Amino acid sequence: MTAREDRPGSAGGHDIPGPHHGGPDDDYTPEQLAAMSREDLDRLGASYDGVEVLHVDPGPEPGSRLEKRAIRQVGFTFALAGLAAFVFVVIYVGSGWFLPDWHWTITEQGWSAFFTPLLGLLMGLSLALVGIGLVLYTKKLLPHETAVQDKHDGSHFDRVTTGATLVGGLHNSGLARRKLITRSLAFMGGGLGLMLLMPLGGLIKNPNKGNPLGTTNWAKGVRLVRNDGSPIRPGDQEPGSLETVFPAVPGGNIQADAATMLIRLRPEQVEEAQPRIGQADFGYGEYVAYSKICTHAGCPVSLYEQETSRILCPCHQSQFDVTQGAKPVFGPATRSLPQLPITVDDEGYFVARRDYIEAVGPTYWNRERI
């Protein structure tokens, strides 16, 4: 008989031949088992429950230079994680208040958006440092034990033993006596908690005020300019031609919802024109301006057949009749292209009279604007 066979297992002696009393689950109530220490459970056979210890490394000696250095490394890493989280909170709350406004803006040189990248960088850095700190703590401070264990029979005794083992592992980790690590963990936990709560503040502090999906940068007096920024006068286009124009504002030519088609109708088209109700004065002479964004799926409508008076979307083949207020006459689109009211300024250049009176883009954005 081997040494393993003459010692009780988690069955409390049921695996030993011959007469015996019931196992721990029979001899003790669940409350009594739960109140026992790991050592008491060991004496009942828990430590011999099919466990074979292959290797034990107790970790650094308590109070040694090696342990102190490891504690400083882990504590510093956790503290940095907390610091990154707190900086995240400061930027999230303070941008545009006591810090520069790092939200998305458009400048003459293009667009700049530091706010979201900064938040992403700080959150990623904080979480990465948490992972690094946990790895360092596990590798340098926890005792390492390599063991194999047979599958449990699922008894209450086994469950209590597992819980006691976890609690014993916490005690063996030495976390309670390593004050630097516990303080850095508390600091890090506070920072992470606030960082994870900050996005909920968007429900209160919503930067997208007003109607961002229903408005563009077109406004009264804003000039219509080409992609190179040059303004347009009546007579610059040939009859039957189309010119893509943008609002003369910083970065207007890269705003997805601002692209507009300025079309000069031919004389016979002017005679056939049937503007939409309430939009008879939206054009200027032979010129009309319609959104370049298809009302079906938001694709750019970039083809114009002057012979048929139709604007075509090459993506899904929607067609709009320019003489009927850009009404859809073929394809999946069900809503007319929004028309931009235009006129000319004192210098004779085309300008918008106001923004579009309806939402630009796919039909699911369609709603009345006040």
Protein backbone atom coordinates (compact mmCIF):
# COMPACT_ATOMS: atom_id res chain seq x y z
CA MET A 1 0.00 0.00 0.00
CA THR A 2 1.42 3.38 -0.96
CA ALA A 3 1.60 6.43 1.24
CA ARG A 4 -1.27 7.98 -0.71
CA GLU A 5 -3.55 5.00 -0.11
CA ASP A 6 -3.24 4.98 3.68
CA ARG A 7 -4.29 8.63 4.06
CA PRO A 8 -7.85 9.90 3.81
CA GLY A 9 -8.86 11.93 0.79
CA SER A 10 -11.68 14.42 0.28
CA ALA A 11 -14.09 11.56 0.82
CA GLY A 12 -12.98 11.70 4.46
CA GLY A 13 -11.81 8.10 4.58
CA HIS A 14 -14.34 6.58 2.17
CA ASP A 15 -11.42 5.62 -0.06
CA ILE A 16 -9.84 3.53 2.74
CA PRO A 17 -10.89 -0.10 2.86
CA GLY A 18 -12.49 -1.38 6.03
CA PRO A 19 -14.94 0.03 8.52
CA HIS A 20 -14.90 3.76 9.08
CA HIS A 21 -17.12 6.61 10.02
CA GLY A 22 -18.72 8.89 7.45
CA GLY A 23 -16.62 11.47 5.59
CA PRO A 24 -16.42 15.18 6.52
CA ASP A 25 -19.71 15.88 4.75
CA ASP A 26 -21.36 13.28 6.98
CA ASP A 27 -19.49 14.05 10.18
CA TYR A 28 -19.78 17.86 10.07
CA THR A 29 -22.44 20.34 9.09
CA PRO A 30 -21.74 22.83 6.24
CA GLU A 31 -21.54 25.61 8.85
CA GLN A 32 -18.92 23.72 10.84
CA LEU A 33 -16.84 23.06 7.73
CA ALA A 34 -17.08 26.71 6.66
CA ALA A 35 -15.78 27.82 10.07
CA MET A 36 -12.67 25.61 9.91
CA SER A 37 -9.23 26.92 9.02
CA ARG A 38 -7.21 25.56 6.14
CA GLU A 39 -5.09 23.59 8.65
CA ASP A 40 -8.18 21.97 10.17
CA LEU A 41 -9.35 21.00 6.71
CA ASP A 42 -5.90 19.59 5.97
CA ARG A 43 -6.18 17.33 8.99
CA LEU A 44 -9.46 16.03 7.61
CA GLY A 45 -7.76 15.02 4.43
CA ALA A 46 -7.96 18.10 2.22
CA SER A 47 -4.23 18.29 1.70
CA TYR A 48 -4.19 14.72 0.37
CA ASP A 49 -7.05 15.14 -2.10
CA GLY A 50 -5.18 13.78 -5.07
CA VAL A 51 -2.67 16.65 -5.04
CA GLU A 52 0.87 16.01 -6.15
CA VAL A 53 3.20 18.96 -5.60
CA LEU A 54 5.85 19.03 -8.29
CA HIS A 55 7.69 22.24 -7.44
CA VAL A 56 7.53 24.96 -4.78
CA ASP A 57 9.15 28.41 -5.02
CA PRO A 58 8.31 30.47 -1.92
CA GLY A 59 9.26 33.77 -3.58
CA PRO A 60 11.56 36.44 -2.17
CA GLU A 61 12.44 36.39 1.50
CA PRO A 62 10.25 38.82 3.50
CA GLY A 63 12.17 42.02 4.17
CA SER A 64 14.95 41.19 1.71
CA ARG A 65 16.34 43.69 -0.78
CA LEU A 66 14.89 41.63 -3.60
CA GLU A 67 11.41 41.85 -2.13
CA LYS A 68 11.68 45.59 -1.45
CA ARG A 69 12.82 46.27 -5.00
CA ALA A 70 9.94 44.19 -6.41
CA ILE A 71 7.46 46.02 -4.16
CA ARG A 72 8.72 49.39 -5.43
CA GLN A 73 8.40 48.25 -9.05
CA VAL A 74 4.86 46.96 -8.60
CA GLY A 75 3.76 49.95 -6.53
CA PHE A 76 5.23 52.42 -9.03
CA THR A 77 3.49 50.66 -11.92
CA PHE A 78 0.10 50.70 -10.19
CA ALA A 79 0.60 54.36 -9.21
CA LEU A 80 1.35 55.28 -12.83
CA ALA A 81 -1.83 53.45 -13.89
CA GLY A 82 -3.83 55.50 -11.41
CA LEU A 83 -2.11 58.72 -12.51
CA ALA A 84 -2.97 58.08 -16.17
CA ALA A 85 -6.58 57.44 -15.15
CA PHE A 86 -6.75 60.70 -13.17
CA VAL A 87 -5.26 62.65 -16.10
CA PHE A 88 -7.98 61.09 -18.28
CA VAL A 89 -10.59 62.47 -15.87
CA VAL A 90 -8.98 65.93 -15.81
CA ILE A 91 -8.89 66.18 -19.62
CA TYR A 92 -12.42 64.82 -19.99
CA VAL A 93 -13.84 67.31 -17.50
CA GLY A 94 -11.54 70.26 -18.14
CA SER A 95 -11.36 70.41 -21.95
CA GLY A 96 -12.87 73.74 -22.95
CA TRP A 97 -13.16 74.85 -19.31
CA PHE A 98 -9.80 75.32 -17.57
CA LEU A 99 -7.86 73.48 -20.31
CA PRO A 100 -7.65 74.23 -24.05
CA ASP A 101 -10.60 72.97 -26.09
CA TRP A 102 -9.21 69.83 -27.69
CA HIS A 103 -12.48 68.78 -29.30
CA TRP A 104 -12.80 68.25 -33.05
CA THR A 105 -12.18 71.50 -34.92
CA ILE A 106 -11.46 72.56 -38.48
CA THR A 107 -8.63 74.94 -39.31
CA GLU A 108 -7.21 76.42 -42.49
CA GLN A 109 -4.59 73.67 -42.49
CA GLY A 110 -7.17 70.91 -42.13
CA TRP A 111 -8.79 69.25 -39.15
CA SER A 112 -7.51 68.64 -35.67
CA ALA A 113 -8.99 66.38 -33.03
CA PHE A 114 -6.82 65.93 -29.94
CA PHE A 115 -9.60 65.24 -27.43
CA THR A 116 -10.58 61.69 -28.37
CA PRO A 117 -7.01 60.48 -29.16
CA LEU A 118 -5.80 61.83 -25.81
CA LEU A 119 -8.57 60.02 -23.96
CA GLY A 120 -7.91 56.80 -25.85
CA LEU A 121 -4.16 57.04 -25.24
CA LEU A 122 -4.56 57.65 -21.51
CA MET A 123 -7.16 54.92 -21.03
CA GLY A 124 -5.05 52.44 -22.98
CA LEU A 125 -1.93 53.42 -21.02
CA SER A 126 -3.74 53.06 -17.69
CA LEU A 127 -5.13 49.61 -18.49
CA ALA A 128 -1.79 48.46 -19.91
CA LEU A 129 -0.01 49.52 -16.73
CA VAL A 130 -2.57 47.62 -14.67
CA GLY A 131 -1.75 44.49 -16.66
CA ILE A 132 2.00 45.06 -16.33
CA GLY A 133 1.67 45.59 -12.58
CA LEU A 134 -0.30 42.38 -12.16
CA VAL A 135 2.28 40.43 -14.14
CA LEU A 136 5.14 41.88 -12.10
CA TYR A 137 3.35 41.12 -8.83
CA THR A 138 2.62 37.56 -9.89
CA LYS A 139 6.12 36.84 -11.15
CA LYS A 140 8.17 38.59 -8.48
CA LEU A 141 6.17 38.48 -5.24
CA LEU A 142 3.74 35.57 -5.24
CA PRO A 143 4.93 32.11 -4.16
CA HIS A 144 4.93 29.71 -7.08
CA GLU A 145 3.71 26.16 -6.72
CA THR A 146 3.36 23.60 -9.47
CA ALA A 147 0.90 20.85 -8.56
CA VAL A 148 -1.52 18.43 -10.18
CA GLN A 149 -4.82 17.36 -8.68
CA ASP A 150 -7.44 14.76 -9.47
CA LYS A 151 -10.92 15.89 -10.36
CA HIS A 152 -13.06 16.63 -7.29
CA ASP A 153 -16.22 14.74 -6.54
CA GLY A 154 -18.05 18.05 -6.02
CA SER A 155 -18.84 17.54 -2.33
CA HIS A 156 -19.44 20.45 0.02
CA PHE A 157 -16.16 19.57 1.73
CA ASP A 158 -14.35 20.14 -1.59
CA ARG A 159 -16.04 23.49 -2.10
CA VAL A 160 -15.13 24.68 1.38
CA THR A 161 -11.58 23.45 0.88
CA THR A 162 -11.30 25.38 -2.38
CA GLY A 163 -12.50 28.58 -0.67
CA ALA A 164 -10.05 28.09 2.17
CA THR A 165 -7.26 27.55 -0.36
CA LEU A 166 -8.07 30.86 -2.07
CA VAL A 167 -8.09 32.70 1.26
CA GLY A 168 -4.80 31.02 2.17
CA GLY A 169 -3.36 32.15 -1.15
CA LEU A 170 -4.25 35.74 -0.28
CA HIS A 171 -2.48 35.43 3.06
CA ASN A 172 0.54 33.81 1.44
CA SER A 173 0.75 36.62 -1.12
CA GLY A 174 1.88 39.01 1.61
CA LEU A 175 -0.34 41.77 0.21
CA ALA A 176 -1.53 42.86 3.66
CA ARG A 177 1.98 43.68 4.90
CA ARG A 178 3.13 45.36 1.67
CA LYS A 179 1.69 48.81 2.35
CA LEU A 180 3.21 50.48 -0.69
CA ILE A 181 1.37 48.12 -3.01
CA THR A 182 -1.94 48.35 -1.16
CA ARG A 183 -1.78 52.17 -1.23
CA SER A 184 -0.91 52.25 -4.91
CA LEU A 185 -3.77 49.80 -5.55
CA ALA A 186 -6.17 52.11 -3.71
CA PHE A 187 -4.91 55.11 -5.71
CA MET A 188 -5.16 53.16 -8.95
CA GLY A 189 -8.63 51.88 -8.09
CA GLY A 190 -9.91 55.39 -7.50
CA GLY A 191 -8.49 56.63 -10.78
CA LEU A 192 -9.81 53.68 -12.77
CA GLY A 193 -13.23 54.00 -11.18
CA LEU A 194 -13.51 57.67 -12.09
CA MET A 195 -12.13 57.05 -15.57
CA LEU A 196 -14.72 54.37 -16.28
CA LEU A 197 -17.51 56.59 -14.94
CA MET A 198 -16.55 59.62 -17.02
CA PRO A 199 -18.14 58.43 -20.30
CA LEU A 200 -21.47 58.35 -18.46
CA GLY A 201 -21.04 62.09 -18.03
CA GLY A 202 -21.76 62.43 -21.73
CA LEU A 203 -25.39 61.81 -20.86
CA ILE A 204 -25.29 65.08 -18.92
CA LYS A 205 -22.49 67.00 -20.63
CA ASN A 206 -23.34 66.33 -24.25
CA PRO A 207 -21.07 68.26 -26.66
CA ASN A 208 -23.45 67.53 -29.54
CA LYS A 209 -25.98 70.16 -28.62
CA GLY A 210 -28.66 71.34 -30.98
CA ASN A 211 -29.27 69.33 -34.14
CA PRO A 212 -25.87 68.16 -35.48
CA LEU A 213 -27.33 65.64 -37.93
CA GLY A 214 -29.87 68.10 -39.27
CA THR A 215 -27.61 71.12 -39.87
CA THR A 216 -24.59 71.94 -42.02
CA ASN A 217 -22.18 74.88 -42.23
CA TRP A 218 -24.27 76.56 -44.87
CA ALA A 219 -25.76 79.79 -43.52
CA LYS A 220 -26.96 83.18 -44.69
CA GLY A 221 -24.24 84.97 -46.65
CA VAL A 222 -21.83 82.01 -46.87
CA ARG A 223 -20.28 81.95 -50.34
CA LEU A 224 -20.34 78.99 -52.67
CA VAL A 225 -16.74 78.12 -53.56
CA ARG A 226 -15.02 75.44 -55.59
CA ASN A 227 -12.71 72.84 -54.05
CA ASP A 228 -9.75 75.21 -54.53
CA GLY A 229 -11.59 77.96 -52.65
CA SER A 230 -12.41 80.18 -55.63
CA PRO A 231 -15.88 81.80 -55.56
CA ILE A 232 -18.41 81.50 -58.40
CA ARG A 233 -20.37 84.17 -60.27
CA PRO A 234 -23.41 83.69 -62.51
CA GLY A 235 -22.09 83.12 -66.00
CA ASP A 236 -19.05 81.10 -64.90
CA GLN A 237 -20.80 77.89 -65.94
CA GLU A 238 -22.10 76.74 -69.28
CA PRO A 239 -25.84 75.93 -69.58
CA GLY A 240 -26.43 72.29 -68.67
CA SER A 241 -23.29 72.02 -66.54
CA LEU A 242 -22.74 71.00 -62.92
CA GLU A 243 -20.18 72.33 -60.44
CA THR A 244 -19.54 70.84 -56.99
CA VAL A 245 -19.34 73.64 -54.43
CA PHE A 246 -18.66 73.94 -50.71
CA PRO A 247 -19.27 76.55 -47.99
CA ALA A 248 -16.55 79.19 -47.77
CA VAL A 249 -15.67 78.33 -44.16
CA PRO A 250 -12.44 76.80 -42.78
CA GLY A 251 -12.31 73.18 -43.85
CA GLY A 252 -15.63 73.43 -45.69
CA ASN A 253 -14.40 71.28 -48.55
CA ILE A 254 -13.82 68.28 -46.27
CA GLN A 255 -17.17 68.35 -44.47
CA ALA A 256 -19.09 65.27 -45.53
CA ASP A 257 -22.56 66.84 -45.43
CA ALA A 258 -21.71 70.18 -47.04
CA ALA A 259 -20.98 69.11 -50.65
CA THR A 260 -23.50 70.73 -52.97
CA MET A 261 -24.20 70.60 -56.71
CA LEU A 262 -24.61 73.97 -58.43
CA ILE A 263 -26.40 73.33 -61.71
CA ARG A 264 -27.05 75.78 -64.52
CA LEU A 265 -30.21 74.74 -66.31
CA ARG A 266 -30.69 75.06 -70.03
CA PRO A 267 -33.40 77.48 -71.21
CA GLU A 268 -35.88 74.68 -72.01
CA GLN A 269 -35.27 73.16 -68.58
CA VAL A 270 -36.06 76.49 -66.93
CA GLU A 271 -39.41 76.50 -68.74
CA GLU A 272 -40.16 72.92 -67.64
CA ALA A 273 -39.07 73.46 -64.03
CA GLN A 274 -41.65 72.62 -61.39
CA PRO A 275 -40.15 73.61 -58.02
CA ARG A 276 -41.31 71.93 -54.84
CA ILE A 277 -44.00 73.68 -52.85
CA GLY A 278 -42.54 76.54 -50.85
CA GLN A 279 -39.20 76.42 -52.69
CA ALA A 280 -40.00 78.38 -55.85
CA ASP A 281 -37.52 81.12 -54.92
CA PHE A 282 -34.69 78.80 -53.84
CA GLY A 283 -32.92 79.09 -57.19
CA TYR A 284 -31.31 82.12 -58.82
CA GLY A 285 -32.14 82.65 -62.46
CA GLU A 286 -31.00 79.54 -64.34
CA TYR A 287 -29.12 78.20 -61.31
CA VAL A 288 -30.27 75.68 -58.72
CA ALA A 289 -28.28 74.03 -55.92
CA TYR A 290 -28.95 70.57 -54.49
CA SER A 291 -27.23 68.44 -51.88
CA LYS A 292 -24.68 66.02 -53.33
CA ILE A 293 -25.56 63.40 -50.68
CA CYS A 294 -28.02 60.75 -51.87
CA THR A 295 -31.14 60.41 -49.72
CA HIS A 296 -31.03 56.62 -50.04
CA ALA A 297 -27.77 55.58 -48.37
CA GLY A 298 -25.67 58.75 -48.22
CA CYS A 299 -23.56 58.07 -51.32
CA PRO A 300 -22.30 61.03 -53.41
CA VAL A 301 -24.48 61.68 -56.45
CA SER A 302 -21.93 62.77 -59.03
CA LEU A 303 -23.46 62.19 -62.47
CA TYR A 304 -25.72 64.59 -64.37
CA GLU A 305 -27.45 63.94 -67.69
CA GLN A 306 -28.49 67.30 -69.04
CA GLU A 307 -30.38 65.66 -71.93
CA THR A 308 -32.73 63.85 -69.52
CA SER A 309 -32.48 66.42 -66.71
CA ARG A 310 -31.55 63.62 -64.32
CA ILE A 311 -29.02 63.47 -61.51
CA LEU A 312 -27.72 59.93 -61.04
CA CYS A 313 -26.28 58.12 -58.03
CA PRO A 314 -23.71 55.59 -59.32
CA CYS A 315 -23.87 53.45 -56.17
CA HIS A 316 -27.46 52.19 -56.21
CA GLN A 317 -28.74 53.80 -59.44
CA SER A 318 -31.17 56.27 -57.88
CA GLN A 319 -32.17 59.04 -60.31
CA PHE A 320 -33.51 62.51 -59.49
CA ASP A 321 -35.26 64.89 -61.91
CA VAL A 322 -33.72 68.33 -61.59
CA THR A 323 -36.73 70.02 -63.23
CA GLN A 324 -39.04 68.60 -60.53
CA GLY A 325 -37.15 69.76 -57.50
CA ALA A 326 -34.72 66.80 -57.65
CA LYS A 327 -37.59 64.38 -57.09
CA PRO A 328 -36.57 60.68 -57.20
CA VAL A 329 -37.88 59.05 -60.39
CA PHE A 330 -35.94 55.77 -60.36
CA GLY A 331 -34.10 53.53 -57.93
CA PRO A 332 -34.35 52.97 -54.16
CA ALA A 333 -34.31 56.63 -53.06
CA THR A 334 -37.71 57.84 -51.86
CA ARG A 335 -36.96 61.46 -50.92
CA SER A 336 -35.98 64.45 -53.03
CA LEU A 337 -32.48 65.88 -52.72
CA PRO A 338 -32.54 68.86 -50.32
CA GLN A 339 -32.29 72.19 -52.14
CA LEU A 340 -30.02 74.99 -50.95
CA PRO A 341 -31.53 78.50 -51.23
CA ILE A 342 -29.04 80.70 -53.14
CA THR A 343 -28.64 84.30 -54.26
CA VAL A 344 -25.70 86.63 -55.03
CA ASP A 345 -23.93 89.09 -52.74
CA ASP A 346 -22.94 92.69 -53.37
CA GLU A 347 -19.86 91.57 -55.30
CA GLY A 348 -21.90 89.33 -57.57
CA TYR A 349 -20.79 85.99 -56.11
CA PHE A 350 -23.14 83.16 -55.25
CA VAL A 351 -24.01 82.89 -51.56
CA ALA A 352 -26.42 80.79 -49.54
CA ARG A 353 -29.54 82.46 -48.25
CA ARG A 354 -29.68 80.02 -45.32
CA ASP A 355 -28.94 76.40 -44.47
CA TYR A 356 -30.88 73.51 -45.97
CA ILE A 357 -34.43 73.46 -44.58
CA GLU A 358 -34.36 69.65 -44.28
CA ALA A 359 -31.82 67.11 -43.12
CA VAL A 360 -29.12 66.13 -45.58
CA GLY A 361 -28.48 62.45 -46.21
CA PRO A 362 -30.35 59.15 -45.96
CA THR A 363 -34.08 59.01 -45.43
CA TYR A 364 -33.77 57.87 -41.80
CA TRP A 365 -32.40 61.31 -41.01
CA ASN A 366 -35.48 62.94 -42.46
CA ARG A 367 -37.29 65.03 -39.89
CA GLU A 368 -38.69 68.50 -39.60
CA ARG A 369 -36.32 71.19 -38.37
CA ILE A 370 -37.53 74.13 -36.31
